[in-house]
N, C-alpha and C. Protein backbone atom coordinates (compact mmCIF):
# COMPACT_ATOMS: atom_id res chain seq x y z
N MET A 1 115.16 12.88 -13.89
CA MET A 1 113.97 12.29 -13.89
C MET A 1 112.88 12.70 -14.90
N SER A 2 111.94 12.41 -15.37
CA SER A 2 111.61 13.27 -16.13
C SER A 2 110.04 13.96 -15.35
N ILE A 3 109.44 14.78 -15.67
CA ILE A 3 108.74 15.63 -15.05
C ILE A 3 107.55 14.97 -14.30
N TYR A 4 106.90 14.22 -15.41
CA TYR A 4 105.81 13.21 -15.03
C TYR A 4 106.34 12.33 -13.43
N LEU A 5 106.95 12.23 -13.75
CA LEU A 5 108.13 10.84 -12.52
C LEU A 5 107.71 11.59 -11.47
N LEU A 6 108.50 13.06 -11.48
CA LEU A 6 108.43 14.13 -10.57
C LEU A 6 107.38 14.51 -9.59
N ASN A 7 106.61 14.51 -10.49
CA ASN A 7 105.12 15.25 -9.96
C ASN A 7 104.64 13.89 -9.27
N ALA A 8 104.74 12.85 -9.70
CA ALA A 8 104.18 11.35 -9.02
C ALA A 8 104.54 10.99 -7.62
N ALA A 9 106.43 11.72 -7.77
CA ALA A 9 106.82 11.11 -6.56
C ALA A 9 106.47 12.16 -5.39
N LEU A 10 106.12 13.17 -5.60
CA LEU A 10 105.94 14.73 -5.00
C LEU A 10 104.48 14.23 -4.44
N VAL A 11 103.54 13.92 -5.09
CA VAL A 11 102.31 13.52 -4.41
C VAL A 11 102.47 12.47 -3.94
N THR A 12 102.97 11.25 -3.95
CA THR A 12 103.51 9.72 -3.20
C THR A 12 104.07 10.53 -1.94
N PHE A 13 104.86 11.22 -1.59
CA PHE A 13 105.89 11.72 -0.74
C PHE A 13 104.31 12.26 0.04
N SER A 14 103.54 13.02 -0.52
CA SER A 14 102.37 14.02 0.28
C SER A 14 101.56 13.06 1.30
N TYR A 15 100.77 11.93 0.40
CA TYR A 15 100.42 11.28 0.63
C TYR A 15 101.21 10.06 2.05
N LEU A 16 102.25 9.82 1.60
CA LEU A 16 103.01 8.90 2.54
C LEU A 16 103.32 9.34 3.87
N MET A 17 103.71 11.01 3.89
CA MET A 17 103.48 11.72 5.28
C MET A 17 102.41 11.88 5.71
N GLY A 18 101.34 11.93 5.00
CA GLY A 18 99.88 12.27 5.69
C GLY A 18 99.71 10.61 6.11
N SER A 19 99.82 9.96 5.62
CA SER A 19 99.62 8.32 6.14
C SER A 19 100.42 8.60 7.98
N MET A 20 101.87 8.98 8.01
CA MET A 20 102.34 9.10 9.34
C MET A 20 100.95 9.10 10.77
N SER A 21 100.20 8.26 11.27
CA SER A 21 99.42 8.05 12.20
C SER A 21 99.81 8.33 13.50
N PHE A 22 100.38 9.98 14.01
CA PHE A 22 101.10 10.19 15.08
C PHE A 22 100.27 10.09 16.14
N GLY A 23 98.89 10.41 16.28
CA GLY A 23 98.12 10.13 17.17
C GLY A 23 97.98 8.63 17.60
N LEU A 24 98.07 7.55 16.72
CA LEU A 24 98.41 5.74 17.19
C LEU A 24 99.70 6.18 17.67
N ILE A 25 100.61 6.75 17.63
CA ILE A 25 102.06 6.49 17.94
C ILE A 25 101.97 7.21 19.28
N ILE A 26 101.48 8.27 19.74
CA ILE A 26 101.41 8.81 20.84
C ILE A 26 100.60 8.15 21.77
N THR A 27 99.66 7.46 21.88
CA THR A 27 98.38 6.32 22.60
C THR A 27 99.26 5.42 23.01
N ARG A 28 99.86 5.03 21.84
CA ARG A 28 100.81 3.48 22.35
C ARG A 28 101.87 3.77 23.14
N MET A 29 102.83 4.95 23.07
CA MET A 29 103.63 5.02 23.47
C MET A 29 103.43 5.60 25.41
N VAL A 30 102.14 6.57 24.83
CA VAL A 30 101.80 7.05 26.59
C VAL A 30 100.78 6.09 26.99
N LYS A 31 99.93 5.39 26.88
CA LYS A 31 98.86 4.58 27.46
C LYS A 31 99.45 3.05 26.83
N GLY A 32 99.91 3.13 25.90
CA GLY A 32 99.83 1.23 25.57
C GLY A 32 98.60 0.93 24.84
N ILE A 33 97.56 1.59 24.17
CA ILE A 33 96.63 1.38 23.73
C ILE A 33 96.73 1.92 22.18
N ASP A 34 95.75 0.92 21.43
CA ASP A 34 94.98 1.55 20.10
C ASP A 34 94.34 2.51 20.01
N ILE A 35 94.42 3.91 19.85
CA ILE A 35 93.54 4.43 19.91
C ILE A 35 92.21 4.31 18.62
N ARG A 36 92.99 3.41 17.85
CA ARG A 36 91.22 3.53 17.30
C ARG A 36 90.05 2.33 17.86
N GLN A 37 90.75 2.00 18.91
CA GLN A 37 89.63 0.72 19.65
C GLN A 37 89.27 1.83 20.92
N TYR A 38 89.49 3.37 20.66
CA TYR A 38 89.00 3.95 21.79
C TYR A 38 87.67 4.83 21.36
N ALA A 39 87.12 5.34 22.43
CA ALA A 39 86.01 6.50 22.20
C ALA A 39 85.45 6.66 20.53
N SER A 40 85.60 7.09 19.77
CA SER A 40 85.39 7.50 18.36
C SER A 40 86.32 6.73 17.26
N GLY A 41 87.50 6.07 17.79
CA GLY A 41 88.18 5.53 16.83
C GLY A 41 89.10 6.39 15.71
N SER A 42 88.92 7.36 16.17
CA SER A 42 89.56 8.34 14.90
C SER A 42 90.73 7.87 15.62
N THR A 43 92.36 8.67 15.08
CA THR A 43 93.85 8.68 15.15
C THR A 43 93.81 10.26 15.38
N GLY A 44 93.07 10.91 14.90
CA GLY A 44 92.80 12.47 14.94
C GLY A 44 93.07 12.91 16.46
N ALA A 45 93.52 14.25 16.88
CA ALA A 45 93.78 14.85 17.80
C ALA A 45 93.05 14.73 19.08
N THR A 46 91.83 14.84 18.97
CA THR A 46 90.72 15.32 19.34
C THR A 46 90.68 13.43 20.17
N ASN A 47 90.48 12.66 19.45
CA ASN A 47 90.83 11.31 20.58
C ASN A 47 91.62 10.99 21.22
N VAL A 48 92.90 11.42 20.68
CA VAL A 48 94.10 11.44 21.87
C VAL A 48 94.31 12.32 22.78
N MET A 49 93.32 13.79 22.90
CA MET A 49 93.00 14.39 23.73
C MET A 49 92.64 13.10 25.02
N ARG A 50 90.83 12.94 24.66
CA ARG A 50 90.59 12.44 24.99
C ARG A 50 91.36 11.12 26.12
N ALA A 51 91.69 10.26 24.82
CA ALA A 51 92.40 9.12 25.88
C ALA A 51 93.72 9.97 26.59
N CYS A 52 94.78 10.53 26.54
CA CYS A 52 95.82 11.12 27.09
C CYS A 52 95.83 12.24 27.43
N GLY A 53 94.74 13.05 27.47
CA GLY A 53 94.80 14.54 28.11
C GLY A 53 95.59 15.67 27.03
N TRP A 54 95.27 16.65 27.12
CA TRP A 54 94.96 17.91 26.11
C TRP A 54 96.01 18.12 25.66
N ARG A 55 97.76 17.76 26.81
CA ARG A 55 99.01 18.34 26.16
C ARG A 55 99.16 17.16 24.92
N TRP A 56 98.91 15.91 25.13
CA TRP A 56 99.72 15.18 24.03
C TRP A 56 98.46 15.08 22.83
N GLY A 57 97.15 15.48 23.17
CA GLY A 57 96.31 16.22 21.78
C GLY A 57 96.48 17.08 21.13
N LEU A 58 97.40 17.89 21.72
CA LEU A 58 98.31 19.18 21.06
C LEU A 58 99.06 18.28 20.32
N LEU A 59 100.13 18.03 20.83
CA LEU A 59 101.45 17.36 20.49
C LEU A 59 100.90 16.78 19.09
N ALA A 60 99.67 15.90 19.17
CA ALA A 60 99.03 15.26 18.16
C ALA A 60 98.63 16.16 16.65
N PHE A 61 98.15 17.17 17.45
CA PHE A 61 97.47 18.02 16.65
C PHE A 61 98.70 18.71 15.69
N ALA A 62 99.82 19.41 16.14
CA ALA A 62 101.26 20.04 15.69
C ALA A 62 101.64 19.12 14.68
N LEU A 63 101.81 18.15 15.40
CA LEU A 63 102.53 16.88 14.04
C LEU A 63 101.51 16.61 13.18
N ASP A 64 100.36 16.48 13.06
CA ASP A 64 99.84 16.15 12.16
C ASP A 64 99.74 17.25 10.88
N MET A 65 99.78 18.80 11.84
CA MET A 65 99.47 19.67 10.94
C MET A 65 101.31 19.80 10.23
N PHE A 66 101.74 19.73 10.73
CA PHE A 66 103.71 19.51 10.15
C PHE A 66 103.41 18.53 8.96
N LYS A 67 103.27 17.44 9.08
CA LYS A 67 103.31 16.30 8.15
C LYS A 67 102.71 16.72 6.84
N ALA A 68 101.29 17.67 7.02
CA ALA A 68 100.86 18.04 5.59
C ALA A 68 101.73 19.35 5.06
N ALA A 69 102.22 20.17 6.44
CA ALA A 69 102.81 21.44 5.51
C ALA A 69 104.25 20.73 4.86
N LEU A 70 105.06 20.07 5.27
CA LEU A 70 106.36 19.85 4.81
C LEU A 70 106.42 20.17 3.76
N PRO A 71 105.69 18.88 2.97
CA PRO A 71 105.48 18.49 1.27
C PRO A 71 105.31 19.81 0.60
N LEU A 72 104.45 20.79 1.14
CA LEU A 72 104.10 22.06 0.43
C LEU A 72 105.22 23.23 0.75
N LEU A 73 105.55 23.59 1.87
CA LEU A 73 106.40 24.39 2.41
C LEU A 73 107.88 24.18 1.16
N ILE A 74 108.32 23.19 0.70
CA ILE A 74 109.31 22.66 0.19
C ILE A 74 108.98 22.85 -1.17
N VAL A 75 107.88 22.77 -1.61
CA VAL A 75 107.96 23.37 -3.25
C VAL A 75 107.71 24.18 -3.71
N ILE A 76 107.01 25.19 -2.62
CA ILE A 76 106.62 26.11 -3.06
C ILE A 76 107.65 27.50 -2.54
N TYR A 77 107.92 27.17 -1.51
CA TYR A 77 109.07 28.46 -0.77
C TYR A 77 110.75 27.70 -0.65
N ILE A 78 110.66 26.55 -0.90
CA ILE A 78 112.08 26.52 -0.89
C ILE A 78 112.63 25.97 -2.09
N TYR A 79 111.84 24.97 -2.87
CA TYR A 79 112.60 24.47 -3.73
C TYR A 79 111.19 24.34 -4.95
N ASP A 80 111.01 24.65 -5.71
CA ASP A 80 109.92 24.30 -6.92
C ASP A 80 110.10 23.22 -7.49
N PHE A 81 111.47 22.75 -7.77
CA PHE A 81 111.40 21.73 -8.47
C PHE A 81 110.97 21.72 -10.18
N GLY A 82 111.02 22.87 -10.48
CA GLY A 82 109.82 23.04 -11.62
C GLY A 82 108.39 22.41 -11.75
N ILE A 83 107.74 22.26 -11.02
CA ILE A 83 106.76 21.56 -11.39
C ILE A 83 105.46 22.70 -11.40
N PRO A 84 104.45 22.40 -12.24
CA PRO A 84 103.13 23.34 -11.83
C PRO A 84 102.79 23.77 -10.75
N SER A 85 102.10 24.92 -10.62
CA SER A 85 101.53 25.50 -9.92
C SER A 85 100.23 24.57 -9.45
N TRP A 86 99.32 23.84 -10.52
CA TRP A 86 98.40 22.87 -10.17
C TRP A 86 98.71 21.85 -9.54
N LEU A 87 99.99 21.23 -9.16
CA LEU A 87 100.45 20.19 -8.63
C LEU A 87 100.29 20.37 -6.80
N HIS A 88 100.13 21.86 -6.44
CA HIS A 88 100.05 21.92 -5.14
C HIS A 88 98.84 21.42 -4.52
N PRO A 89 97.79 21.87 -5.11
CA PRO A 89 96.47 21.61 -4.30
C PRO A 89 96.56 19.54 -4.36
N ILE A 90 96.80 19.37 -5.29
CA ILE A 90 96.91 17.97 -5.32
C ILE A 90 97.75 17.26 -4.34
N MET A 91 98.68 17.93 -4.03
CA MET A 91 99.71 17.31 -3.04
C MET A 91 99.13 17.81 -1.42
N GLY A 92 98.32 18.82 -1.08
CA GLY A 92 98.05 19.06 -0.30
C GLY A 92 96.68 18.56 -0.15
N LEU A 93 95.92 17.59 -0.91
CA LEU A 93 94.90 16.92 -0.80
C LEU A 93 95.25 15.50 -0.58
N ALA A 94 96.46 15.12 -1.22
CA ALA A 94 96.73 13.65 -0.85
C ALA A 94 97.45 13.57 0.39
N SER A 95 97.79 14.46 1.71
CA SER A 95 98.31 14.69 2.69
C SER A 95 97.06 14.42 3.48
N ILE A 96 95.53 14.84 2.85
CA ILE A 96 94.70 14.70 3.69
C ILE A 96 94.00 13.55 3.21
N PHE A 97 93.97 12.60 2.10
CA PHE A 97 93.92 11.62 2.05
C PHE A 97 94.83 10.14 2.60
N GLY A 98 96.04 10.49 2.62
CA GLY A 98 97.18 9.94 3.67
C GLY A 98 96.38 9.76 5.14
N HIS A 99 96.16 11.22 5.67
CA HIS A 99 95.67 11.51 7.05
C HIS A 99 94.99 10.36 7.44
N ILE A 100 93.17 10.23 6.29
CA ILE A 100 92.35 9.80 6.32
C ILE A 100 92.59 8.41 6.38
N TRP A 101 93.20 7.92 5.29
CA TRP A 101 93.31 6.60 4.89
C TRP A 101 94.73 6.16 4.83
N PRO A 102 95.00 6.35 6.02
CA PRO A 102 96.78 5.96 5.98
C PRO A 102 97.06 4.66 5.52
N VAL A 103 98.03 4.38 5.06
CA VAL A 103 98.38 3.23 4.31
C VAL A 103 99.23 2.16 5.32
N PHE A 104 99.65 2.82 6.22
CA PHE A 104 100.94 2.23 7.45
C PHE A 104 99.44 1.75 8.61
N THR A 105 98.40 1.93 8.63
CA THR A 105 97.35 1.43 9.76
C THR A 105 96.33 0.94 8.99
N ASN A 106 96.63 0.08 8.14
CA ASN A 106 95.38 -0.59 7.41
C ASN A 106 94.19 0.25 7.02
N PHE A 107 94.56 1.73 6.66
CA PHE A 107 93.83 2.59 5.78
C PHE A 107 92.49 3.28 6.60
N ARG A 108 92.97 3.12 8.20
CA ARG A 108 91.77 3.68 9.35
C ARG A 108 92.56 4.96 10.02
N GLY A 109 92.08 5.80 9.73
CA GLY A 109 92.66 7.34 10.57
C GLY A 109 91.85 8.42 11.06
N GLY A 110 92.51 9.63 10.45
CA GLY A 110 91.56 10.50 11.14
C GLY A 110 90.62 11.31 10.33
N LYS A 111 90.25 12.84 10.50
CA LYS A 111 89.10 13.34 9.56
C LYS A 111 90.10 13.88 8.95
N GLY A 112 90.99 14.25 8.88
CA GLY A 112 91.24 15.10 8.15
C GLY A 112 91.77 16.85 8.20
N VAL A 113 90.99 16.97 9.74
CA VAL A 113 91.44 18.33 10.21
C VAL A 113 92.19 19.33 10.25
N ALA A 114 93.62 18.54 11.16
CA ALA A 114 94.74 19.31 10.92
C ALA A 114 95.60 19.26 9.79
N SER A 115 95.21 18.00 8.76
CA SER A 115 96.17 18.12 8.37
C SER A 115 95.98 19.49 6.87
N GLY A 116 94.18 19.18 6.83
CA GLY A 116 93.59 19.98 6.03
C GLY A 116 94.18 21.70 6.17
N LEU A 117 93.74 21.80 7.87
CA LEU A 117 93.97 23.53 7.97
C LEU A 117 95.70 23.51 7.55
N SER A 118 96.47 22.77 7.91
CA SER A 118 98.01 23.28 7.82
C SER A 118 98.30 23.20 6.14
N ALA A 119 97.68 22.71 5.30
CA ALA A 119 97.75 22.53 3.82
C ALA A 119 97.10 23.78 3.37
N LEU A 120 95.83 24.04 3.87
CA LEU A 120 95.29 25.21 3.35
C LEU A 120 96.17 26.70 3.82
N ILE A 121 96.49 26.82 5.09
CA ILE A 121 97.35 27.29 5.40
C ILE A 121 98.51 27.89 4.76
N VAL A 122 99.37 27.13 3.98
CA VAL A 122 100.51 27.41 3.09
C VAL A 122 100.30 27.11 1.77
N LEU A 123 99.08 26.78 1.46
CA LEU A 123 98.32 27.37 -0.10
C LEU A 123 97.85 28.58 0.05
N SER A 124 96.71 29.16 1.28
CA SER A 124 96.58 30.59 1.09
C SER A 124 96.44 31.03 2.61
N PRO A 125 97.34 31.37 3.34
CA PRO A 125 97.31 32.17 4.40
C PRO A 125 95.81 32.83 4.92
N TRP A 126 95.62 33.55 4.44
CA TRP A 126 94.52 34.47 4.35
C TRP A 126 92.96 33.13 4.63
N SER A 127 93.18 32.44 3.63
CA SER A 127 92.25 31.89 3.53
C SER A 127 92.04 30.25 5.31
N GLY A 128 93.36 30.22 5.79
CA GLY A 128 93.54 29.62 6.79
C GLY A 128 93.87 30.28 8.23
N LEU A 129 93.96 31.91 8.07
CA LEU A 129 93.23 32.41 9.44
C LEU A 129 91.64 32.67 9.29
N ILE A 130 91.08 32.60 7.97
CA ILE A 130 89.28 32.64 8.23
C ILE A 130 88.96 30.99 8.89
N ALA A 131 89.44 30.22 8.56
CA ALA A 131 89.73 29.04 8.79
C ALA A 131 89.42 28.56 10.42
N CYS A 132 90.34 29.72 10.78
CA CYS A 132 90.78 29.22 12.38
C CYS A 132 90.00 30.43 12.98
N VAL A 133 89.43 31.95 12.51
CA VAL A 133 88.75 32.56 13.06
C VAL A 133 87.42 31.79 13.01
N SER A 134 86.96 31.22 12.34
CA SER A 134 85.81 30.33 12.71
C SER A 134 85.40 29.43 13.20
N PHE A 135 86.63 28.42 12.89
CA PHE A 135 86.62 27.58 14.26
C PHE A 135 86.42 27.22 15.58
N PHE A 136 87.85 28.39 15.91
CA PHE A 136 87.61 28.32 17.54
C PHE A 136 86.43 29.23 18.05
N PRO A 137 85.79 30.03 17.29
CA PRO A 137 84.57 30.82 18.33
C PRO A 137 83.62 29.37 18.64
N PHE A 138 83.50 28.52 17.46
CA PHE A 138 82.25 27.71 17.72
C PHE A 138 83.25 26.49 18.72
N THR A 139 84.18 26.50 18.23
CA THR A 139 84.75 25.52 19.60
C THR A 139 84.34 25.79 20.96
N LEU A 140 84.92 26.89 21.30
CA LEU A 140 84.75 27.65 22.60
C LEU A 140 83.40 27.83 23.22
N PHE A 141 82.23 28.31 22.31
CA PHE A 141 81.36 28.47 23.09
C PHE A 141 80.39 27.42 23.27
N THR A 142 80.14 26.35 22.11
CA THR A 142 79.34 25.60 22.01
C THR A 142 80.22 24.50 23.39
N ARG A 143 81.42 23.81 22.81
CA ARG A 143 82.29 22.52 23.30
C ARG A 143 82.26 21.88 22.62
N TYR A 144 81.24 21.92 20.97
CA TYR A 144 81.82 20.70 20.41
C TYR A 144 82.91 20.91 19.21
N VAL A 145 83.82 20.32 19.51
CA VAL A 145 84.88 20.34 18.04
C VAL A 145 83.99 19.87 16.67
N SER A 146 83.44 18.75 16.79
CA SER A 146 82.95 18.58 15.60
C SER A 146 82.48 19.71 14.92
N LEU A 147 81.70 20.52 15.49
CA LEU A 147 80.86 21.51 15.12
C LEU A 147 81.65 22.89 14.20
N GLY A 148 82.66 23.15 15.35
CA GLY A 148 84.05 23.89 14.55
C GLY A 148 84.95 23.46 13.57
N SER A 149 84.82 22.53 14.04
CA SER A 149 85.56 21.54 12.59
C SER A 149 85.02 21.41 11.21
N ILE A 150 83.92 21.93 11.61
CA ILE A 150 82.72 21.43 10.18
C ILE A 150 82.57 22.83 9.84
N ILE A 151 82.49 24.10 10.66
CA ILE A 151 82.61 24.86 10.24
C ILE A 151 84.16 26.08 10.07
N GLY A 152 84.91 25.51 10.61
CA GLY A 152 86.35 25.83 10.08
C GLY A 152 86.17 25.09 8.38
N SER A 153 86.07 24.35 8.21
CA SER A 153 86.38 23.95 6.92
C SER A 153 85.80 24.11 5.83
N LEU A 154 84.43 24.24 5.97
CA LEU A 154 83.39 25.25 5.47
C LEU A 154 84.03 26.31 4.82
N SER A 155 83.80 27.26 5.77
CA SER A 155 84.52 28.66 5.40
C SER A 155 85.95 28.82 5.38
N GLY A 156 86.86 27.50 5.79
CA GLY A 156 88.42 27.78 4.72
C GLY A 156 87.97 27.49 3.36
N GLY A 157 87.23 26.39 2.74
CA GLY A 157 86.93 25.97 1.56
C GLY A 157 86.64 27.40 0.81
N ILE A 158 85.82 27.76 1.33
CA ILE A 158 84.62 28.83 0.62
C ILE A 158 85.75 29.56 0.07
N ALA A 159 86.62 30.25 1.47
CA ALA A 159 87.41 31.46 1.12
C ALA A 159 88.47 31.22 0.04
N ILE A 160 89.22 30.37 -0.06
CA ILE A 160 90.41 29.56 -1.01
C ILE A 160 89.72 29.62 -2.28
N THR A 161 88.29 28.78 -2.47
CA THR A 161 87.73 29.12 -3.72
C THR A 161 87.73 30.43 -4.08
N THR A 162 86.95 31.23 -3.12
CA THR A 162 86.62 32.39 -3.85
C THR A 162 87.81 32.94 -4.36
N LEU A 163 88.89 33.07 -3.38
CA LEU A 163 89.99 33.90 -3.68
C LEU A 163 90.71 33.27 -5.11
N SER A 164 90.47 32.14 -5.43
CA SER A 164 91.11 31.52 -6.42
C SER A 164 90.04 32.17 -7.93
N ILE A 165 88.86 31.96 -7.51
CA ILE A 165 87.87 32.36 -8.72
C ILE A 165 88.27 33.70 -8.75
N PHE A 166 88.40 34.79 -8.23
CA PHE A 166 88.76 35.88 -8.52
C PHE A 166 89.89 36.66 -8.83
N GLY A 167 90.87 35.44 -8.85
CA GLY A 167 92.13 35.62 -9.29
C GLY A 167 93.25 36.36 -8.09
N TYR A 168 93.23 36.18 -7.29
CA TYR A 168 94.08 36.64 -6.11
C TYR A 168 95.33 35.67 -5.76
N ILE A 169 94.63 34.39 -6.11
CA ILE A 169 95.62 33.11 -5.92
C ILE A 169 95.43 32.07 -6.88
N GLU A 170 96.26 31.18 -7.02
CA GLU A 170 96.46 30.32 -7.96
C GLU A 170 95.42 29.65 -8.59
N PRO A 171 94.41 30.24 -9.77
CA PRO A 171 93.26 29.30 -10.36
C PRO A 171 93.14 27.78 -9.20
N SER A 172 94.48 27.01 -9.86
CA SER A 172 93.96 25.92 -9.76
C SER A 172 93.71 25.45 -7.85
N TYR A 173 93.99 26.53 -7.13
CA TYR A 173 93.87 26.18 -5.64
C TYR A 173 92.67 26.28 -5.36
N CYS A 174 91.24 26.27 -6.01
CA CYS A 174 89.87 25.93 -5.70
C CYS A 174 89.52 24.53 -5.62
N ALA A 175 90.82 23.84 -6.96
CA ALA A 175 90.69 22.30 -6.21
C ALA A 175 90.11 21.54 -4.94
N PHE A 176 91.31 22.35 -4.08
CA PHE A 176 91.72 21.88 -2.90
C PHE A 176 90.70 22.48 -2.08
N GLY A 177 90.06 24.09 -2.19
CA GLY A 177 89.02 24.09 -1.28
C GLY A 177 87.54 23.69 -1.18
N LEU A 178 87.33 23.22 -2.78
CA LEU A 178 86.33 22.12 -2.97
C LEU A 178 86.08 20.89 -2.43
N VAL A 179 87.28 20.19 -3.39
CA VAL A 179 87.31 18.92 -2.50
C VAL A 179 87.72 18.36 -0.86
N GLY A 180 88.74 19.08 -0.47
CA GLY A 180 89.25 19.08 0.88
C GLY A 180 88.28 19.43 1.56
N SER A 181 87.05 20.66 1.46
CA SER A 181 86.32 20.91 1.96
C SER A 181 85.16 19.81 2.49
N ALA A 182 85.05 19.46 1.25
CA ALA A 182 83.75 18.43 0.74
C ALA A 182 84.53 17.26 1.89
N LEU A 183 85.44 16.88 1.49
CA LEU A 183 85.68 15.53 2.44
C LEU A 183 85.75 15.24 3.53
N THR A 184 86.60 16.59 4.04
CA THR A 184 86.53 16.47 5.57
C THR A 184 85.39 16.99 6.57
N ILE A 185 84.02 17.65 5.95
CA ILE A 185 82.62 17.60 5.91
C ILE A 185 82.62 15.71 6.10
N LEU A 186 82.30 15.63 4.78
CA LEU A 186 81.71 14.20 4.85
C LEU A 186 82.62 13.63 6.17
N LYS A 187 83.62 13.23 6.34
CA LYS A 187 83.93 12.13 7.15
C LYS A 187 83.62 12.57 8.63
N HIS A 188 83.01 13.76 8.90
CA HIS A 188 81.95 14.14 10.03
C HIS A 188 80.67 13.64 9.90
N ARG A 189 80.36 13.01 9.13
CA ARG A 189 78.62 12.93 8.85
C ARG A 189 77.41 11.99 10.06
N ASP A 190 78.70 11.07 11.20
CA ASP A 190 78.48 10.80 11.77
C ASP A 190 77.93 11.66 13.21
N ASN A 191 79.34 12.56 12.68
CA ASN A 191 79.28 14.02 14.19
C ASN A 191 77.91 14.70 13.87
N ILE A 192 77.75 14.42 12.87
CA ILE A 192 76.35 15.84 12.02
C ILE A 192 75.31 15.03 12.55
N ILE A 193 74.91 13.79 12.55
CA ILE A 193 73.67 13.25 13.14
C ILE A 193 73.73 13.13 14.13
N ARG A 194 74.80 12.91 15.23
CA ARG A 194 74.50 13.45 16.58
C ARG A 194 74.22 14.55 17.40
N LEU A 195 74.73 15.86 16.46
CA LEU A 195 74.69 16.80 16.48
C LEU A 195 73.34 17.38 16.15
N LEU A 196 72.60 16.97 15.27
CA LEU A 196 71.28 17.14 15.05
C LEU A 196 70.36 16.11 16.17
N ASN A 197 70.74 14.95 16.66
CA ASN A 197 70.28 14.16 17.51
C ASN A 197 70.36 15.21 19.07
N GLY A 198 71.15 15.54 18.70
CA GLY A 198 71.35 16.08 20.73
C GLY A 198 72.17 15.30 21.20
N THR A 199 73.00 13.98 20.90
CA THR A 199 73.94 13.19 21.29
C THR A 199 75.42 13.45 21.36
N GLU A 200 75.77 14.24 20.47
CA GLU A 200 77.35 14.66 20.15
C GLU A 200 78.15 14.99 21.72
N ARG A 201 78.85 14.08 21.76
CA ARG A 201 80.06 14.62 23.03
C ARG A 201 80.39 15.75 23.41
N LYS A 202 80.47 16.59 24.26
CA LYS A 202 81.12 17.69 24.07
C LYS A 202 82.35 17.59 24.71
N PHE A 203 83.08 18.77 23.92
CA PHE A 203 84.48 18.72 24.48
C PHE A 203 84.54 18.40 25.79
N GLY A 204 85.86 17.69 26.63
CA GLY A 204 85.62 18.10 27.99
C GLY A 204 84.97 16.73 28.89
N ALA A 205 84.15 16.84 27.49
CA ALA A 205 83.12 15.20 28.76
C ALA A 205 83.75 13.89 28.95
N PRO A 206 83.36 13.42 29.88
CA PRO A 206 83.81 11.84 30.19
C PRO A 206 83.91 11.20 28.77
N SER A 207 84.38 10.10 28.36
CA SER A 207 84.21 9.16 27.24
C SER A 207 83.49 8.02 27.92
N ASP A 208 82.33 7.01 27.09
CA ASP A 208 81.67 6.22 27.98
C ASP A 208 82.34 5.30 28.09
C-alpha cells in the first residue's frame, strides 16, 4: 500500500471512529429515545446526562474520549506505520469532525468536546492538562458546562499552539490547536448567545 493510501485510510479510520454516536446508542438502550430530539439535540455527554442521569453521561463522555484517542494512540505510541508527524493533527481533527458530523447518523452529532479533549491529551498531555484545569473550575463554580467547555477548548488550543510554535512539540500540532478549538467554540455559538442573554441552562437544572 502506498503511503498516500495509508494516510487516507488512517484519516478515514479516525473519522469513522469519531462518527460512532455513543450518546445516541446509550439513550436508545436506556430510555428508548432519540437523543437528537431531546433538550439541546446534541448526542454529546451533557445531553445524555440530562436524559439518562450522570452515570450514563459519564459513560458517554468516556466512550467519546476513547473513540478519538484510539487511532492516535496506535500511530503515535504503538506502531507509526511510517507516517509523517503532520498527519497526527489531521487524524485528531478527523475524529472531531466525525463526532460533530457523523456519517452514521445523518451528520448530526455532538459538539466535539470529549473527542477534542482526548485527541489533545494524546497529542500534548500538558495541553490536555491545561484544558482540564481550565474546564473544571469554571464548570463547578458557574454550573455552566458550556462555559467550561469553551474556556477549556480555548486554553487547550492556545497551549498546544504555543508549545508547537516554540518547538517543544511537533510544529504541525498547532493546526490542531487552531482549528480544533475554533471548531468547538463555533459549535457553542448558541450557548454563547444564551450565556450573554442569561438564558443558558445550568448543570443540574431540569429540562424544559
